[in-house]
Amino acid sequence: MKKHGEAAFFIYFVLLLLVVITSMYSHIDIVNIIYLVVVLSSCLKFILIVNKSKK
C-alpha cells in the first residue's frame, strides 16, 4: 500500500508539472515561472524524503 501512495503522489506531481508546461506553451509570465519552480522543488523534496525513508 505504501508503494501505491508514493506512486500516486509522484503522478500528481507529474500532472502538475504538465499543467504548468502546457500553460507556459501559450504564454510565459512570472506566475507560471514561480509555479514551475515551486512544483519542481516540491517534487525534488518528495523524492529526497522517499529515498531517505527507504534507507
PDB file of N, CA and C in Angstrom:
ATOM      1  N   MET A   1       0.822  -1.194   0.000  1.00  0.00           N
ATOM      2  CA  MET A   1       0.000   0.000   0.000  1.00  0.00           C
ATOM      3  C   MET A   1       0.867   1.259   0.000  1.00  0.00           C
ATOM      4  N   LYS A   2       2.027   1.174   0.677  1.00  0.00           N
ATOM      5  CA  LYS A   2       2.902   2.340   0.745  1.00  0.00           C
ATOM      6  C   LYS A   2       3.423   2.719  -0.640  1.00  0.00           C
ATOM      7  N   LYS A   3       3.750   1.717  -1.462  1.00  0.00           N
ATOM      8  CA  LYS A   3       4.256   1.995  -2.807  1.00  0.00           C
ATOM      9  C   LYS A   3       3.187   2.652  -3.672  1.00  0.00           C
ATOM     10  N   HIS A   4       1.928   2.265  -3.469  1.00  0.00           N
ATOM     11  CA  HIS A   4       0.842   2.880  -4.235  1.00  0.00           C
ATOM     12  C   HIS A   4       0.700   4.354  -3.871  1.00  0.00           C
ATOM     13  N   GLY A   5       0.876   4.671  -2.608  1.00  0.00           N
ATOM     14  CA  GLY A   5       0.812   6.062  -2.169  1.00  0.00           C
ATOM     15  C   GLY A   5       1.935   6.888  -2.763  1.00  0.00           C
ATOM     16  N   GLU A   6       3.134   6.320  -2.775  1.00  0.00           N
ATOM     17  CA  GLU A   6       4.277   7.016  -3.364  1.00  0.00           C
ATOM     18  C   GLU A   6       4.060   7.241  -4.855  1.00  0.00           C
ATOM     19  N   ALA A   7       3.554   6.232  -5.532  1.00  0.00           N
ATOM     20  CA  ALA A   7       3.299   6.364  -6.968  1.00  0.00           C
ATOM     21  C   ALA A   7       2.210   7.397  -7.235  1.00  0.00           C
ATOM     22  N   ALA A   8       1.196   7.433  -6.398  1.00  0.00           N
ATOM     23  CA  ALA A   8       0.107   8.397  -6.582  1.00  0.00           C
ATOM     24  C   ALA A   8       0.614   9.831  -6.417  1.00  0.00           C
ATOM     25  N   PHE A   9       1.444  10.060  -5.389  1.00  0.00           N
ATOM     26  CA  PHE A   9       1.991  11.400  -5.207  1.00  0.00           C
ATOM     27  C   PHE A   9       2.893  11.784  -6.369  1.00  0.00           C
ATOM     28  N   PHE A  10       3.700  10.860  -6.838  1.00  0.00           N
ATOM     29  CA  PHE A  10       4.593  11.160  -7.953  1.00  0.00           C
ATOM     30  C   PHE A  10       3.797  11.481  -9.220  1.00  0.00           C
ATOM     31  N   ILE A  11       2.746  10.734  -9.484  1.00  0.00           N
ATOM     32  CA  ILE A  11       1.889  11.007 -10.647  1.00  0.00           C
ATOM     33  C   ILE A  11       1.227  12.370 -10.507  1.00  0.00           C
ATOM     34  N   TYR A  12       0.818  12.705  -9.290  1.00  0.00           N
ATOM     35  CA  TYR A  12       0.222  14.016  -9.033  1.00  0.00           C
ATOM     36  C   TYR A  12       1.212  15.134  -9.362  1.00  0.00           C
ATOM     37  N   PHE A  13       2.465  14.989  -8.933  1.00  0.00           N
ATOM     38  CA  PHE A  13       3.472  15.995  -9.236  1.00  0.00           C
ATOM     39  C   PHE A  13       3.741  16.082 -10.733  1.00  0.00           C
ATOM     40  N   VAL A  14       3.761  14.963 -11.407  1.00  0.00           N
ATOM     41  CA  VAL A  14       3.976  14.960 -12.858  1.00  0.00           C
ATOM     42  C   VAL A  14       2.819  15.670 -13.566  1.00  0.00           C
ATOM     43  N   LEU A  15       1.605  15.417 -13.131  1.00  0.00           N
ATOM     44  CA  LEU A  15       0.447  16.093 -13.731  1.00  0.00           C
ATOM     45  C   LEU A  15       0.501  17.598 -13.491  1.00  0.00           C
ATOM     46  N   LEU A  16       0.882  18.011 -12.280  1.00  0.00           N
ATOM     47  CA  LEU A  16       1.038  19.441 -12.021  1.00  0.00           C
ATOM     48  C   LEU A  16       2.092  20.050 -12.926  1.00  0.00           C
ATOM     49  N   LEU A  17       3.184  19.333 -13.114  1.00  0.00           N
ATOM     50  CA  LEU A  17       4.244  19.812 -13.988  1.00  0.00           C
ATOM     51  C   LEU A  17       3.756  19.944 -15.426  1.00  0.00           C
ATOM     52  N   LEU A  18       2.984  18.979 -15.893  1.00  0.00           N
ATOM     53  CA  LEU A  18       2.434  19.055 -17.247  1.00  0.00           C
ATOM     54  C   LEU A  18       1.466  20.217 -17.408  1.00  0.00           C
ATOM     55  N   VAL A  19       0.669  20.486 -16.387  1.00  0.00           N
ATOM     56  CA  VAL A  19      -0.253  21.621 -16.442  1.00  0.00           C
ATOM     57  C   VAL A  19       0.515  22.923 -16.570  1.00  0.00           C
ATOM     58  N   VAL A  20       1.586  23.064 -15.812  1.00  0.00           N
ATOM     59  CA  VAL A  20       2.391  24.285 -15.869  1.00  0.00           C
ATOM     60  C   VAL A  20       3.061  24.421 -17.223  1.00  0.00           C
ATOM     61  N   ILE A  21       3.613  23.336 -17.728  1.00  0.00           N
ATOM     62  CA  ILE A  21       4.313  23.397 -19.017  1.00  0.00           C
ATOM     63  C   ILE A  21       3.351  23.725 -20.152  1.00  0.00           C
ATOM     64  N   THR A  22       2.175  23.120 -20.146  1.00  0.00           N
ATOM     65  CA  THR A  22       1.209  23.437 -21.201  1.00  0.00           C
ATOM     66  C   THR A  22       0.698  24.865 -21.079  1.00  0.00           C
ATOM     67  N   SER A  23       0.596  25.364 -19.858  1.00  0.00           N
ATOM     68  CA  SER A  23       0.185  26.754 -19.673  1.00  0.00           C
ATOM     69  C   SER A  23       1.275  27.704 -20.165  1.00  0.00           C
ATOM     70  N   MET A  24       2.531  27.319 -19.953  1.00  0.00           N
ATOM     71  CA  MET A  24       3.636  28.159 -20.413  1.00  0.00           C
ATOM     72  C   MET A  24       3.791  28.112 -21.926  1.00  0.00           C
ATOM     73  N   TYR A  25       3.263  27.071 -22.549  1.00  0.00           N
ATOM     74  CA  TYR A  25       3.354  26.963 -24.001  1.00  0.00           C
ATOM     75  C   TYR A  25       2.594  28.091 -24.684  1.00  0.00           C
ATOM     76  N   SER A  26       1.452  28.467 -24.145  1.00  0.00           N
ATOM     77  CA  SER A  26       0.645  29.527 -24.760  1.00  0.00           C
ATOM     78  C   SER A  26       1.195  30.910 -24.424  1.00  0.00           C
ATOM     79  N   HIS A  27       1.564  31.127 -23.175  1.00  0.00           N
ATOM     80  CA  HIS A  27       2.169  32.404 -22.797  1.00  0.00           C
ATOM     81  C   HIS A  27       2.981  32.218 -21.519  1.00  0.00           C
ATOM     82  N   ILE A  28       4.150  32.837 -21.519  1.00  0.00           N
ATOM     83  CA  ILE A  28       5.049  32.733 -20.372  1.00  0.00           C
ATOM     84  C   ILE A  28       4.927  34.026 -19.561  1.00  0.00           C
ATOM     85  N   ASP A  29       4.627  33.864 -18.283  1.00  0.00           N
ATOM     86  CA  ASP A  29       4.630  35.006 -17.388  1.00  0.00           C
ATOM     87  C   ASP A  29       5.277  34.620 -16.065  1.00  0.00           C
ATOM     88  N   ILE A  30       5.459  35.585 -15.198  1.00  0.00           N
ATOM     89  CA  ILE A  30       6.189  35.366 -13.955  1.00  0.00           C
ATOM     90  C   ILE A  30       5.468  34.388 -13.034  1.00  0.00           C
ATOM     91  N   VAL A  31       4.150  34.386 -13.055  1.00  0.00           N
ATOM     92  CA  VAL A  31       3.385  33.478 -12.189  1.00  0.00           C
ATOM     93  C   VAL A  31       3.641  32.027 -12.588  1.00  0.00           C
ATOM     94  N   ASN A  32       3.654  31.741 -13.876  1.00  0.00           N
ATOM     95  CA  ASN A  32       3.922  30.378 -14.334  1.00  0.00           C
ATOM     96  C   ASN A  32       5.342  29.937 -13.995  1.00  0.00           C
ATOM     97  N   ILE A  33       6.288  30.831 -14.089  1.00  0.00           N
ATOM     98  CA  ILE A  33       7.671  30.502 -13.763  1.00  0.00           C
ATOM     99  C   ILE A  33       7.810  30.208 -12.275  1.00  0.00           C
ATOM    100  N   ILE A  34       7.177  31.018 -11.440  1.00  0.00           N
ATOM    101  CA  ILE A  34       7.212  30.785  -9.992  1.00  0.00           C
ATOM    102  C   ILE A  34       6.533  29.462  -9.663  1.00  0.00           C
ATOM    103  N   TYR A  35       5.393  29.198 -10.283  1.00  0.00           N
ATOM    104  CA  TYR A  35       4.679  27.957 -10.031  1.00  0.00           C
ATOM    105  C   TYR A  35       5.504  26.754 -10.480  1.00  0.00           C
ATOM    106  N   LEU A  36       6.216  26.883 -11.590  1.00  0.00           N
ATOM    107  CA  LEU A  36       7.087  25.814 -12.069  1.00  0.00           C
ATOM    108  C   LEU A  36       8.195  25.529 -11.063  1.00  0.00           C
ATOM    109  N   VAL A  37       8.789  26.565 -10.517  1.00  0.00           N
ATOM    110  CA  VAL A  37       9.851  26.389  -9.516  1.00  0.00           C
ATOM    111  C   VAL A  37       9.300  25.712  -8.272  1.00  0.00           C
ATOM    112  N   VAL A  38       8.115  26.106  -7.835  1.00  0.00           N
ATOM    113  CA  VAL A  38       7.504  25.506  -6.646  1.00  0.00           C
ATOM    114  C   VAL A  38       7.201  24.026  -6.878  1.00  0.00           C
ATOM    115  N   VAL A  39       6.651  23.689  -8.029  1.00  0.00           N
ATOM    116  CA  VAL A  39       6.327  22.293  -8.329  1.00  0.00           C
ATOM    117  C   VAL A  39       7.593  21.452  -8.417  1.00  0.00           C
ATOM    118  N   LEU A  40       8.612  21.965  -9.074  1.00  0.00           N
ATOM    119  CA  LEU A  40       9.864  21.217  -9.189  1.00  0.00           C
ATOM    120  C   LEU A  40      10.536  21.018  -7.833  1.00  0.00           C
ATOM    121  N   SER A  41      10.534  22.054  -6.997  1.00  0.00           N
ATOM    122  CA  SER A  41      11.151  21.901  -5.682  1.00  0.00           C
ATOM    123  C   SER A  41      10.351  20.947  -4.800  1.00  0.00           C
ATOM    124  N   SER A  42       9.032  20.960  -4.914  1.00  0.00           N
ATOM    125  CA  SER A  42       8.204  20.025  -4.145  1.00  0.00           C
ATOM    126  C   SER A  42       8.446  18.591  -4.599  1.00  0.00           C
ATOM    127  N   CYS A  43       8.561  18.398  -5.888  1.00  0.00           N
ATOM    128  CA  CYS A  43       8.819  17.066  -6.419  1.00  0.00           C
ATOM    129  C   CYS A  43      10.191  16.560  -5.971  1.00  0.00           C
ATOM    130  N   LEU A  44      11.186  17.408  -6.007  1.00  0.00           N
ATOM    131  CA  LEU A  44      12.519  17.034  -5.554  1.00  0.00           C
ATOM    132  C   LEU A  44      12.524  16.699  -4.070  1.00  0.00           C
ATOM    133  N   LYS A  45      11.839  17.499  -3.274  1.00  0.00           N
ATOM    134  CA  LYS A  45      11.757  17.252  -1.840  1.00  0.00           C
ATOM    135  C   LYS A  45      11.066  15.915  -1.565  1.00  0.00           C
ATOM    136  N   PHE A  46      10.015  15.615  -2.311  1.00  0.00           N
ATOM    137  CA  PHE A  46       9.312  14.345  -2.155  1.00  0.00           C
ATOM    138  C   PHE A  46      10.234  13.175  -2.481  1.00  0.00           C
ATOM    139  N   ILE A  47      11.001  13.283  -3.549  1.00  0.00           N
ATOM    140  CA  ILE A  47      11.928  12.220  -3.935  1.00  0.00           C
ATOM    141  C   ILE A  47      12.996  12.030  -2.856  1.00  0.00           C
ATOM    142  N   LEU A  48      13.502  13.124  -2.306  1.00  0.00           N
ATOM    143  CA  LEU A  48      14.503  13.015  -1.247  1.00  0.00           C
ATOM    144  C   LEU A  48      13.927  12.360   0.001  1.00  0.00           C
ATOM    145  N   ILE A  49      12.712  12.692   0.372  1.00  0.00           N
ATOM    146  CA  ILE A  49      12.071  12.091   1.547  1.00  0.00           C
ATOM    147  C   ILE A  49      11.856  10.612   1.341  1.00  0.00           C
ATOM    148  N   VAL A  50      11.385  10.224   0.139  1.00  0.00           N
ATOM    149  CA  VAL A  50      11.142   8.815  -0.133  1.00  0.00           C
ATOM    150  C   VAL A  50      12.451   8.029  -0.106  1.00  0.00           C
ATOM    151  N   ASN A  51      13.487   8.571  -0.706  1.00  0.00           N
ATOM    152  CA  ASN A  51      14.775   7.869  -0.720  1.00  0.00           C
ATOM    153  C   ASN A  51      15.356   7.748   0.682  1.00  0.00           C
ATOM    154  N   LYS A  52      15.181   8.780   1.510  1.00  0.00           N
ATOM    155  CA  LYS A  52      15.716   8.744   2.874  1.00  0.00           C
ATOM    156  C   LYS A  52      14.956   7.734   3.713  1.00  0.00           C
ATOM    157  N   SER A  53      13.641   7.623   3.510  1.00  0.00           N
ATOM    158  CA  SER A  53      12.851   6.693   4.308  1.00  0.00           C
ATOM    159  C   SER A  53      13.106   5.242   3.889  1.00  0.00           C
ATOM    160  N   LYS A  54      13.542   5.018   2.659  1.00  0.00           N
ATOM    161  CA  LYS A  54      13.854   3.653   2.206  1.00  0.00           C
ATOM    162  C   LYS A  54      15.148   3.146   2.826  1.00  0.00           C
ATOM    163  N   LYS A  55      16.064   4.058   3.151  1.00  0.00           N
ATOM    164  CA  LYS A  55      17.358   3.650   3.727  1.00  0.00           C
ATOM    165  C   LYS A  55      17.199   3.390   5.162  1.00  0.00           C
TER     166      LYS A  55
END
